[in-house]
Amino acid sequence: MGSPEERHQVDTLETIVSELRYQNAVLTEVIATLDVIHGEGMRSATAINTAIDDHLATRNEQGVSR
């Protein structure tokens, strides 16, 4: 199972993964709410992911890291 330090690292990474999943769910809900408020209707999760991927690709092309 590895050393105690390795186990601690694994536990820490699992916690980070869990937190990122939660944050992604929250952000998706915020996006959906903003869509409704601004009259664009509910976008599907696929549409939201496509828009995010498009923005990420644009940022990568422009060399934007944050």
N, C-alpha and C. Protein backbone atom coordinates (compact mmCIF):
# COMPACT_ATOMS: atom_id res chain seq x y z
N MET A 1 0.82 -1.19 0.00
CA MET A 1 0.00 0.00 0.00
C MET A 1 0.86 1.25 0.00
N GLY A 2 2.10 1.16 0.22
CA GLY A 2 2.98 2.31 0.18
C GLY A 2 3.24 2.88 1.56
N SER A 3 4.12 3.84 1.57
CA SER A 3 4.51 4.46 2.83
C SER A 3 3.37 5.36 3.34
N PRO A 4 3.44 5.75 4.60
CA PRO A 4 2.42 6.66 5.13
C PRO A 4 2.37 7.99 4.35
N GLU A 5 3.52 8.45 3.89
CA GLU A 5 3.55 9.69 3.12
C GLU A 5 2.82 9.51 1.78
N GLU A 6 3.04 8.36 1.13
CA GLU A 6 2.35 8.09 -0.12
C GLU A 6 0.84 7.99 0.09
N ARG A 7 0.45 7.34 1.17
CA ARG A 7 -0.98 7.21 1.47
C ARG A 7 -1.59 8.60 1.73
N HIS A 8 -0.84 9.44 2.43
CA HIS A 8 -1.31 10.79 2.70
C HIS A 8 -1.48 11.57 1.39
N GLN A 9 -0.53 11.42 0.47
CA GLN A 9 -0.62 12.09 -0.83
C GLN A 9 -1.85 11.61 -1.60
N VAL A 10 -2.09 10.30 -1.57
CA VAL A 10 -3.25 9.74 -2.26
C VAL A 10 -4.54 10.30 -1.65
N ASP A 11 -4.61 10.32 -0.33
CA ASP A 11 -5.79 10.86 0.35
C ASP A 11 -6.00 12.33 0.00
N THR A 12 -4.92 13.08 -0.04
CA THR A 12 -5.00 14.50 -0.37
C THR A 12 -5.49 14.69 -1.80
N LEU A 13 -4.95 13.91 -2.73
CA LEU A 13 -5.39 14.01 -4.12
C LEU A 13 -6.85 13.61 -4.28
N GLU A 14 -7.29 12.60 -3.56
CA GLU A 14 -8.69 12.19 -3.61
C GLU A 14 -9.60 13.31 -3.08
N THR A 15 -9.15 14.00 -2.06
CA THR A 15 -9.91 15.13 -1.52
C THR A 15 -9.99 16.25 -2.55
N ILE A 16 -8.89 16.53 -3.21
CA ILE A 16 -8.87 17.57 -4.24
C ILE A 16 -9.82 17.20 -5.38
N VAL A 17 -9.80 15.96 -5.81
CA VAL A 17 -10.68 15.50 -6.89
C VAL A 17 -12.14 15.69 -6.48
N SER A 18 -12.45 15.32 -5.26
CA SER A 18 -13.82 15.46 -4.76
C SER A 18 -14.24 16.93 -4.74
N GLU A 19 -13.37 17.79 -4.27
CA GLU A 19 -13.68 19.22 -4.21
C GLU A 19 -13.85 19.80 -5.61
N LEU A 20 -13.00 19.40 -6.55
CA LEU A 20 -13.12 19.90 -7.92
C LEU A 20 -14.44 19.45 -8.56
N ARG A 21 -14.85 18.22 -8.30
CA ARG A 21 -16.14 17.74 -8.83
C ARG A 21 -17.27 18.58 -8.27
N TYR A 22 -17.22 18.87 -6.98
CA TYR A 22 -18.24 19.70 -6.35
C TYR A 22 -18.24 21.11 -6.97
N GLN A 23 -17.06 21.70 -7.10
CA GLN A 23 -16.98 23.05 -7.67
C GLN A 23 -17.49 23.07 -9.11
N ASN A 24 -17.18 22.02 -9.87
CA ASN A 24 -17.68 21.95 -11.25
C ASN A 24 -19.20 21.88 -11.27
N ALA A 25 -19.78 21.11 -10.36
CA ALA A 25 -21.23 21.02 -10.28
C ALA A 25 -21.84 22.37 -9.93
N VAL A 26 -21.22 23.08 -8.99
CA VAL A 26 -21.71 24.40 -8.60
C VAL A 26 -21.61 25.36 -9.78
N LEU A 27 -20.48 25.37 -10.46
CA LEU A 27 -20.32 26.28 -11.61
C LEU A 27 -21.32 25.96 -12.71
N THR A 28 -21.59 24.70 -12.95
CA THR A 28 -22.57 24.32 -13.96
C THR A 28 -23.94 24.86 -13.58
N GLU A 29 -24.30 24.76 -12.30
CA GLU A 29 -25.58 25.29 -11.83
C GLU A 29 -25.63 26.81 -11.97
N VAL A 30 -24.54 27.48 -11.67
CA VAL A 30 -24.48 28.94 -11.81
C VAL A 30 -24.67 29.32 -13.29
N ILE A 31 -24.01 28.62 -14.18
CA ILE A 31 -24.15 28.89 -15.61
C ILE A 31 -25.60 28.70 -16.04
N ALA A 32 -26.21 27.60 -15.61
CA ALA A 32 -27.60 27.34 -15.98
C ALA A 32 -28.52 28.44 -15.45
N THR A 33 -28.28 28.88 -14.23
CA THR A 33 -29.10 29.95 -13.63
C THR A 33 -28.93 31.25 -14.39
N LEU A 34 -27.70 31.58 -14.74
CA LEU A 34 -27.45 32.81 -15.50
C LEU A 34 -28.11 32.74 -16.88
N ASP A 35 -28.10 31.57 -17.49
CA ASP A 35 -28.77 31.40 -18.78
C ASP A 35 -30.26 31.73 -18.64
N VAL A 36 -30.87 31.24 -17.59
CA VAL A 36 -32.30 31.48 -17.38
C VAL A 36 -32.55 32.96 -17.11
N ILE A 37 -31.74 33.56 -16.26
CA ILE A 37 -31.90 34.97 -15.92
C ILE A 37 -31.77 35.85 -17.16
N HIS A 38 -30.86 35.50 -18.03
CA HIS A 38 -30.60 36.32 -19.21
C HIS A 38 -31.41 35.88 -20.42
N GLY A 39 -32.39 35.00 -20.18
CA GLY A 39 -33.35 34.65 -21.21
C GLY A 39 -32.87 33.72 -22.29
N GLU A 40 -31.75 33.07 -22.08
CA GLU A 40 -31.25 32.17 -23.12
C GLU A 40 -31.76 30.74 -22.94
N GLY A 41 -32.49 30.50 -21.89
CA GLY A 41 -33.00 29.16 -21.64
C GLY A 41 -31.92 28.27 -21.09
N MET A 42 -32.29 27.08 -20.79
CA MET A 42 -31.37 26.12 -20.20
C MET A 42 -30.53 25.46 -21.30
N ARG A 43 -29.23 25.64 -21.21
CA ARG A 43 -28.34 24.92 -22.13
C ARG A 43 -28.09 23.54 -21.55
N SER A 44 -27.90 22.60 -22.41
CA SER A 44 -27.60 21.25 -21.96
C SER A 44 -26.17 21.21 -21.41
N ALA A 45 -25.90 20.20 -20.62
CA ALA A 45 -24.53 20.02 -20.11
C ALA A 45 -23.54 19.90 -21.26
N THR A 46 -23.96 19.25 -22.33
CA THR A 46 -23.09 19.11 -23.51
C THR A 46 -22.79 20.47 -24.12
N ALA A 47 -23.80 21.32 -24.23
CA ALA A 47 -23.59 22.66 -24.79
C ALA A 47 -22.67 23.49 -23.90
N ILE A 48 -22.86 23.38 -22.60
CA ILE A 48 -22.00 24.10 -21.66
C ILE A 48 -20.57 23.60 -21.79
N ASN A 49 -20.38 22.28 -21.84
CA ASN A 49 -19.03 21.73 -21.96
C ASN A 49 -18.38 22.13 -23.28
N THR A 50 -19.15 22.17 -24.35
CA THR A 50 -18.61 22.59 -25.64
C THR A 50 -18.15 24.04 -25.58
N ALA A 51 -18.97 24.91 -24.95
CA ALA A 51 -18.59 26.32 -24.82
C ALA A 51 -17.32 26.46 -23.99
N ILE A 52 -17.22 25.70 -22.91
CA ILE A 52 -16.03 25.74 -22.07
C ILE A 52 -14.81 25.27 -22.85
N ASP A 53 -14.96 24.17 -23.58
CA ASP A 53 -13.85 23.66 -24.40
C ASP A 53 -13.42 24.70 -25.44
N ASP A 54 -14.40 25.38 -26.05
CA ASP A 54 -14.08 26.42 -27.04
C ASP A 54 -13.28 27.55 -26.40
N HIS A 55 -13.73 28.00 -25.22
CA HIS A 55 -13.01 29.07 -24.53
C HIS A 55 -11.61 28.62 -24.14
N LEU A 56 -11.48 27.38 -23.68
CA LEU A 56 -10.18 26.85 -23.31
C LEU A 56 -9.24 26.81 -24.52
N ALA A 57 -9.76 26.35 -25.65
CA ALA A 57 -8.94 26.30 -26.86
C ALA A 57 -8.49 27.70 -27.26
N THR A 58 -9.39 28.66 -27.19
CA THR A 58 -9.04 30.04 -27.52
C THR A 58 -7.97 30.57 -26.58
N ARG A 59 -8.13 30.32 -25.28
CA ARG A 59 -7.14 30.78 -24.31
C ARG A 59 -5.79 30.12 -24.56
N ASN A 60 -5.80 28.84 -24.89
CA ASN A 60 -4.54 28.14 -25.17
C ASN A 60 -3.86 28.73 -26.41
N GLU A 61 -4.64 29.04 -27.43
CA GLU A 61 -4.09 29.64 -28.64
C GLU A 61 -3.47 31.01 -28.35
N GLN A 62 -4.08 31.73 -27.42
CA GLN A 62 -3.60 33.06 -27.07
C GLN A 62 -2.52 33.03 -26.01
N GLY A 63 -2.22 31.85 -25.49
CA GLY A 63 -1.19 31.70 -24.48
C GLY A 63 -1.59 32.20 -23.10
N VAL A 64 -2.91 32.22 -22.85
CA VAL A 64 -3.41 32.67 -21.55
C VAL A 64 -3.43 31.48 -20.60
N SER A 65 -2.76 31.62 -19.47
CA SER A 65 -2.70 30.49 -18.54
C SER A 65 -3.73 30.59 -17.42
N ARG A 66 -4.27 31.79 -17.19
CA ARG A 66 -5.26 31.96 -16.12
C ARG A 66 -6.46 32.67 -16.63
